[in-house]
Every structure is written in structure tokens, then in C-alpha cells.
Protein backbone atom coordinates (compact mmCIF):
# COMPACT_ATOMS: atom_id res chain seq x y z
CA MET A 1 -0.99 29.64 5.01
CA TRP A 2 -1.49 27.27 7.96
CA LYS A 3 -4.65 25.70 6.34
CA LYS A 4 -2.71 25.22 3.11
CA LEU A 5 0.19 23.51 5.02
CA ARG A 6 -2.32 21.26 6.78
CA ALA A 7 -3.91 20.37 3.42
CA PHE A 8 -0.41 19.42 1.98
CA ILE A 9 0.29 17.32 5.09
CA GLU A 10 -2.99 15.62 4.71
CA LEU A 11 -2.28 15.02 0.96
CA THR A 12 0.93 13.27 1.72
CA LYS A 13 -0.73 11.27 4.37
CA VAL A 14 1.84 11.99 7.11
CA PHE A 15 -0.78 11.20 9.62
CA SER A 16 -3.28 8.60 8.58
CA SER A 17 -5.70 6.30 10.53
CA SER A 18 -4.79 3.46 8.27
CA LYS A 19 -1.16 3.71 7.14
CA SER A 20 1.17 6.76 7.42
CA THR A 21 3.62 7.33 4.73
CA LEU A 22 6.18 7.57 7.65
CA TYR A 23 5.82 3.70 7.63
CA TYR A 24 7.95 3.55 4.48
CA GLY A 25 10.71 5.55 6.36
CA PHE A 26 10.44 3.16 9.23
CA CYS A 27 10.87 0.23 6.97
CA THR A 28 14.05 1.81 5.53
CA PHE A 29 15.35 2.40 9.01
CA ILE A 30 14.58 -1.29 9.85
CA GLY A 31 16.48 -2.41 6.72
CA SER A 32 19.56 -0.51 8.02
CA LEU A 33 19.07 -1.90 11.55
CA LEU A 34 18.81 -5.49 10.35
CA ALA A 35 22.00 -5.09 8.28
CA SER A 36 23.96 -3.44 11.02
CA SER A 37 22.83 -5.15 14.21
CA TRP A 38 22.46 -1.73 15.89
CA ARG A 39 25.93 -0.47 14.82
CA LEU A 40 24.36 2.02 12.77
CA PRO A 41 26.08 4.73 10.73
CA ILE A 42 23.47 7.28 12.02
CA GLU A 43 23.93 10.08 9.49
CA THR A 44 23.66 7.91 6.42
CA THR A 45 20.91 5.82 7.76
CA PHE A 46 18.91 9.02 8.61
CA MET A 47 19.57 10.26 4.97
CA ALA A 48 18.39 7.07 3.36
CA THR A 49 15.30 7.04 5.53
CA PHE A 50 14.54 10.76 4.73
CA ALA A 51 15.02 10.13 1.14
CA MET A 52 12.64 7.12 1.03
CA THR A 53 10.12 8.99 3.13
CA LEU A 54 10.12 11.95 0.77
CA SER A 55 9.59 9.66 -2.20
CA SER A 56 6.57 8.10 -0.35
CA PHE A 57 5.13 11.64 0.18
CA ALA A 58 5.55 12.15 -3.63
CA ILE A 59 3.95 8.83 -4.48
CA TYR A 60 0.82 9.44 -2.26
CA ALA A 61 0.39 12.97 -3.58
CA LEU A 62 0.69 11.73 -7.14
CA ASN A 63 -1.91 9.01 -6.49
CA ASP A 64 -4.31 11.65 -5.23
CA VAL A 65 -3.86 13.56 -8.42
CA TYR A 66 -4.86 10.63 -10.52
CA ASP A 67 -7.45 9.40 -8.23
CA ALA A 68 -9.15 12.84 -7.79
CA LYS A 69 -12.41 11.67 -9.49
CA ILE A 70 -12.45 8.47 -7.61
CA ASP A 71 -12.03 10.23 -4.30
CA GLN A 72 -15.10 12.41 -5.06
CA ILE A 73 -17.03 9.11 -4.46
CA ASN A 74 -14.78 7.28 -1.98
CA ASP A 75 -13.41 10.11 0.19
CA PHE A 76 -14.75 13.66 -0.82
CA GLY A 77 -12.89 15.09 2.29
CA ARG A 78 -9.44 14.48 0.69
CA PRO A 79 -7.54 17.77 -0.10
CA ILE A 80 -8.05 17.64 -3.96
CA PRO A 81 -11.79 16.82 -4.31
CA SER A 82 -12.50 19.10 -1.43
CA GLY A 83 -10.84 22.07 -3.23
CA ARG A 84 -8.13 22.60 -0.52
CA VAL A 85 -5.30 21.71 -2.84
CA THR A 86 -5.42 22.17 -6.66
CA ILE A 87 -4.17 19.58 -9.07
CA GLN A 88 -1.36 21.99 -10.15
CA GLU A 89 -0.30 22.50 -6.53
CA ALA A 90 -0.18 18.73 -6.03
CA LYS A 91 1.89 18.21 -9.11
CA ILE A 92 4.45 20.81 -8.06
CA LEU A 93 4.65 19.23 -4.64
CA THR A 94 5.00 15.70 -6.14
CA THR A 95 7.87 16.82 -8.39
CA THR A 96 9.64 18.61 -5.63
CA PHE A 97 9.51 15.57 -3.41
CA PHE A 98 10.77 13.19 -6.11
CA VAL A 99 13.68 15.39 -6.99
CA ALA A 100 14.61 15.92 -3.34
CA SER A 101 14.45 12.26 -2.46
CA ALA A 102 16.76 11.39 -5.28
CA ALA A 103 19.16 14.16 -4.61
CA ILE A 104 19.46 13.14 -0.91
CA ALA A 105 19.70 9.40 -1.77
CA VAL A 106 22.72 9.91 -4.14
CA THR A 107 24.68 11.50 -1.26
CA VAL A 108 24.56 8.12 0.64
CA ASN A 109 25.67 5.72 -1.99
CA LEU A 110 24.74 4.41 -5.42
CA ALA A 111 22.75 1.48 -4.07
CA VAL A 112 20.51 3.64 -1.96
CA PHE A 113 20.05 5.99 -4.75
CA LEU A 114 18.91 3.08 -7.11
CA PHE A 115 16.51 1.69 -4.46
CA VAL A 116 14.90 5.07 -4.00
CA VAL A 117 14.60 5.56 -7.70
CA ILE A 118 13.10 2.00 -8.11
CA PHE A 119 10.62 2.81 -5.32
CA SER A 120 9.70 6.17 -6.95
CA ILE A 121 9.27 4.41 -10.43
CA LEU A 122 7.00 1.78 -8.79
CA GLY A 123 4.86 4.46 -7.24
CA ILE A 124 4.59 6.29 -10.59
CA LEU A 125 3.69 3.12 -12.47
CA TYR A 126 1.06 2.39 -9.90
CA SER A 127 -0.90 5.63 -10.50
CA VAL A 128 0.03 7.02 -13.96
CA PRO A 129 -1.59 6.08 -17.15
CA PRO A 130 -1.04 4.27 -19.53
CA VAL A 131 0.55 1.71 -17.28
CA ARG A 132 -1.31 2.48 -14.09
CA PHE A 133 -0.78 -0.83 -12.26
CA LYS A 134 -3.60 0.21 -9.93
CA ASP A 135 -6.00 -0.70 -12.75
CA GLY A 136 -5.22 -4.32 -13.14
CA LEU A 137 -3.71 -7.59 -11.88
CA PHE A 138 -0.40 -6.06 -10.86
CA ALA A 139 -1.50 -3.53 -8.29
CA ASN A 140 -0.85 -5.64 -5.23
CA ILE A 141 2.49 -6.95 -6.62
CA CYS A 142 3.52 -3.38 -6.98
CA TRP A 143 2.57 -2.66 -3.36
CA GLY A 144 4.59 -5.70 -2.17
CA LEU A 145 7.69 -4.85 -4.31
CA GLY A 146 7.44 -1.24 -2.97
CA ILE A 147 7.66 -2.17 0.65
CA ALA A 148 10.42 -4.69 -0.10
CA THR A 149 12.39 -2.01 -1.80
CA THR A 150 12.21 0.28 1.21
CA ILE A 151 13.74 -2.46 3.40
CA LEU A 152 16.49 -3.38 0.96
CA GLY A 153 17.21 0.34 0.40
CA GLY A 154 17.74 0.80 4.08
CA ALA A 155 19.98 -2.35 4.28
CA SER A 156 22.08 -1.15 1.33
CA VAL A 157 23.34 1.76 3.60
CA ILE A 158 25.60 -0.95 5.02
CA THR A 159 25.14 -4.26 3.13
CA ILE A 160 22.11 -6.34 2.21
CA ASN A 161 22.18 -9.54 4.37
CA ILE A 162 19.87 -12.53 4.98
CA PRO A 163 17.82 -10.94 7.85
CA SER A 164 17.02 -7.95 5.60
CA ILE A 165 16.13 -10.15 2.61
CA VAL A 166 13.77 -12.23 4.76
CA ALA A 167 12.14 -9.07 6.23
CA ALA A 168 11.65 -7.66 2.70
CA PHE A 169 10.20 -10.87 1.37
CA THR A 170 7.82 -11.28 4.32
CA LEU A 171 6.50 -7.74 4.46
CA GLY A 172 6.24 -7.79 0.68
CA PHE A 173 3.88 -10.66 0.78
CA LEU A 174 1.80 -9.26 3.53
CA THR A 175 1.65 -5.83 2.10
CA ALA A 176 0.42 -7.30 -1.19
CA GLY A 177 -2.32 -8.97 0.83
CA CYS A 178 -3.23 -5.83 2.78
CA GLY A 179 -3.38 -4.02 -0.58
CA LEU A 180 -6.50 -6.15 -1.34
CA THR A 181 -8.21 -4.96 1.80
CA LYS A 182 -7.66 -1.31 0.63
CA ASP A 183 -9.09 -2.23 -2.70
CA LEU A 184 -12.12 -3.69 -1.05
CA LYS A 185 -12.88 -0.58 0.98
CA ASP A 186 -12.47 1.57 -2.19
CA LEU A 187 -14.84 -0.65 -4.40
CA ASP A 188 -17.49 2.02 -4.83
CA GLY A 189 -15.21 4.57 -6.46
CA ASP A 190 -13.15 1.95 -8.40
CA ARG A 191 -16.37 0.57 -9.89
CA ALA A 192 -17.70 3.94 -10.78
CA MET A 193 -14.44 4.92 -12.50
CA ASN A 194 -13.92 1.48 -14.09
CA VAL A 195 -10.79 0.67 -12.19
CA HIS A 196 -9.99 -3.09 -12.48
CA THR A 197 -8.75 -4.04 -9.04
CA LEU A 198 -8.50 -7.72 -7.98
CA PRO A 199 -11.80 -7.64 -5.97
CA ILE A 200 -13.54 -6.39 -9.12
CA ILE A 201 -11.87 -8.82 -11.44
CA PHE A 202 -12.36 -11.85 -9.27
CA GLY A 203 -15.09 -10.85 -6.85
CA GLU A 204 -14.87 -9.87 -3.21
CA LYS A 205 -14.92 -13.31 -1.63
CA LYS A 206 -12.17 -14.69 -4.01
CA ALA A 207 -10.14 -11.56 -3.24
CA ILE A 208 -10.35 -12.36 0.46
CA LYS A 209 -9.18 -15.89 -0.28
CA ILE A 210 -6.19 -14.54 -2.19
CA MET A 211 -5.25 -12.38 0.65
CA THR A 212 -5.49 -15.34 3.05
CA ALA A 213 -3.10 -17.32 0.75
CA ALA A 214 -0.64 -14.52 0.78
CA SER A 215 -0.70 -14.41 4.48
CA ILE A 216 -0.12 -18.01 4.78
CA VAL A 217 2.96 -17.74 2.68
CA GLY A 218 4.15 -14.60 4.56
CA PHE A 219 3.53 -15.18 8.09
CA PRO A 220 5.60 -18.31 8.78
CA LEU A 221 8.75 -16.38 7.63
CA LEU A 222 8.15 -14.09 10.55
CA PHE A 223 9.68 -16.88 12.69
CA TRP A 224 13.07 -16.63 10.97
CA ASP A 225 14.59 -15.01 14.03
CA LEU A 226 13.64 -17.74 16.32
CA ILE A 227 15.04 -20.36 13.86
CA PHE A 228 18.42 -18.66 13.29
CA ASN A 229 18.93 -16.84 16.54
CA GLY A 230 17.30 -18.91 19.11
CA PHE A 231 14.04 -18.43 21.09
CA ASN A 232 13.26 -14.75 22.07
CA MET A 233 10.26 -14.43 24.24
CA ALA A 234 9.60 -10.71 23.30
CA TYR A 235 9.87 -11.43 19.56
CA PHE A 236 7.67 -14.45 19.96
CA ALA A 237 5.01 -12.62 21.81
CA ILE A 238 4.82 -9.83 19.29
CA ILE A 239 4.76 -12.04 16.31
CA THR A 240 2.01 -14.12 17.92
CA LEU A 241 -0.05 -10.99 18.69
CA THR A 242 0.53 -9.96 15.06
CA ILE A 243 -0.76 -13.08 13.59
CA VAL A 244 -3.74 -13.14 15.97
CA LEU A 245 -4.70 -9.60 14.93
CA PHE A 246 -4.23 -10.32 11.21
CA ALA A 247 -6.28 -13.56 11.59
CA TYR A 248 -9.00 -11.59 13.30
CA SER A 249 -9.11 -9.15 10.38
CA LEU A 250 -9.52 -12.08 8.07
CA LEU A 251 -12.27 -13.47 10.28
CA ILE A 252 -14.20 -10.14 10.14
CA LEU A 253 -13.85 -10.24 6.27
CA TYR A 254 -15.19 -13.73 5.92
CA ARG A 255 -18.02 -13.20 8.43
CA LYS A 256 -19.35 -10.14 6.80
CA PRO A 257 -18.15 -9.38 3.28
CA GLY A 258 -19.71 -6.74 1.25
CA SER A 259 -19.73 -4.09 3.98
CA LYS A 260 -17.49 -1.00 3.63
CA ILE A 261 -17.44 -0.55 7.39
CA THR A 262 -16.10 -4.22 7.65
CA TYR A 263 -13.41 -3.54 5.01
CA GLU A 264 -12.31 -0.32 6.70
CA LYS A 265 -12.07 -2.01 10.08
CA ALA A 266 -10.12 -4.94 8.59
CA TYR A 267 -7.72 -2.59 6.88
CA LYS A 268 -6.95 -0.78 10.08
CA LEU A 269 -6.27 -3.96 11.97
CA GLN A 270 -3.91 -5.03 9.24
CA ALA A 271 -2.18 -1.69 9.35
CA TYR A 272 -1.62 -2.22 13.13
CA SER A 273 -0.30 -5.68 12.34
CA GLY A 274 2.26 -3.98 10.04
CA ILE A 275 3.37 -1.67 12.92
CA LEU A 276 3.84 -4.73 15.17
CA ILE A 277 5.92 -6.50 12.60
CA ILE A 278 8.23 -3.48 12.41
CA LEU A 279 8.49 -3.57 16.28
CA ALA A 280 9.32 -7.28 16.15
CA PHE A 281 12.10 -6.61 13.60
CA ILE A 282 13.51 -3.88 15.87
CA ILE A 283 13.70 -6.38 18.75
CA ALA A 284 15.23 -9.00 16.40
CA ALA A 285 18.00 -6.57 15.51
CA LEU A 286 18.41 -5.38 19.08
CA THR A 287 19.02 -8.93 20.44
């Protein structure tokens, strides 16, 4: 029983060396925080955060269902290809999480419910044929829209304001860029299964250039708090560290493209950058 529970937890990526599904819940919480300036309605914020987190569990489990053959090449240790979770079990778990997330969200308000549903739909469209955004040009846009939806969903607990819109726009761009790094590290399986990600369509080096362009658009927006609310040393320090860390990940990619180890290292660095951005937004809301 415990082994099966551990396999389910691994399936939903609650604990992950790259990006935990809890990150989406944190983004929802940050959206509420930015909209309320720490005058949080605790119960409704928690419910919205929990609903979005459950939806992310469902999305990641669903992705593993439709990526089972790819994971046999990219990551055989995953619960489904390793045989620890069956396809049927994963589908039941996915459906349960989707239904639970919508049921919880509707108790908050209609706006939160709609954002949770939009987030869930984006996750389904990303993985499930015949749309399957993962297999084409819209994969990274789908990632970016998804993370923006979590922030706006959290803000809608109170009201969507300028700080939450800026945060959604910024993280949306950066997440789309980071999605390219994920595609780079999964190239072997994607090629074998004829999945048309951007690195496969345009080539690895051009994909890295596209990621660089996305970061150039996104990162300047991180200084919004310094512009609108005055200089904040803690916020400035964290944002600077974030940019340095992300820039270092790009440097690694430019210096040694074509190596899976390089791609995995860069993806982890970019995931850490995402965590730092969340921390910066918390400081912005606190001050």
C-alpha cells in the first residue's frame, strides 16, 4: 500500500528535482498575495490554492499517461513505464483530481472556478490527442498561459490588479522559455516518438535563441516593483540573483549544446530561478 502511495506521489510530481507541482499552488497563493497586500482572506485563498494544486496533479498524471512510451526512452524509472502504476490507475487518479479541483474552486467564487477550469483545459490540450499542443508550435505558449492562469486565478479570490497582471505576464514569458529547456532534455524520446517540439522543428541552437528572446522580454518586467513602489533592497537583490542564475543557465546551453546532461543542468537552474521569482513577489507584496 505504501509503495503504491509513493508511486502515486511520484506520478503527480509533488516532489521533483526540477519543478514540483506544488509550484502551481505557490503561484496561485502569490496571485492572492499580490491582489490583497497581505490582507488575505485565508480560507478562500487556501481553497483556491488547493484547487489549482489538485488540477496540476491531474495534469501531470495525465501527461504521464500519454507520454508512457516516450518515458520508456527518456525516463524509464517513472511510475507508469516501470510498472508501479497502471494506465488505468493513472486515469482514475487524473479524473478524481480534476473533479475535486473544480468542486473546490466553485466554493470560492465563479472567477476562481473559471481559472481552474481554464488551467485544467490547457493541461488536457497539452497532452491529449488530437490537439496535443505538446506536439507542435504551441507547446510553450500553453505552458506560459498555464502559469499565468494560476496567478490570475489566485488574484481573483480578491480582485485582479496591476501587480498580479504583471506577475502573470512575466512568469508566463519565462515559463514558456523554460519549457524549451525541458524539450531539449527530452529530445531522445520525442524524436523516437515523432513529437514535434520546437527544438526538433527549428533545431537545438535556434530553440536556445528563442528562449533567450523570451527571457529578454520577460526579465525587465521583474523590475516593476522598483518602478511603482520605490527601491527595495531585498527585492532588488533577489531579482538580480535570479537574472544571474538564469543567464548562467543560458551560458551553459550556448557553451555546450547537444548534451542531455547540459540540458538537465540548465533546466534545474531555471527551475531555481522560478522559485526565486516567487520569493521576490512575496517580498513585493509584503512591503
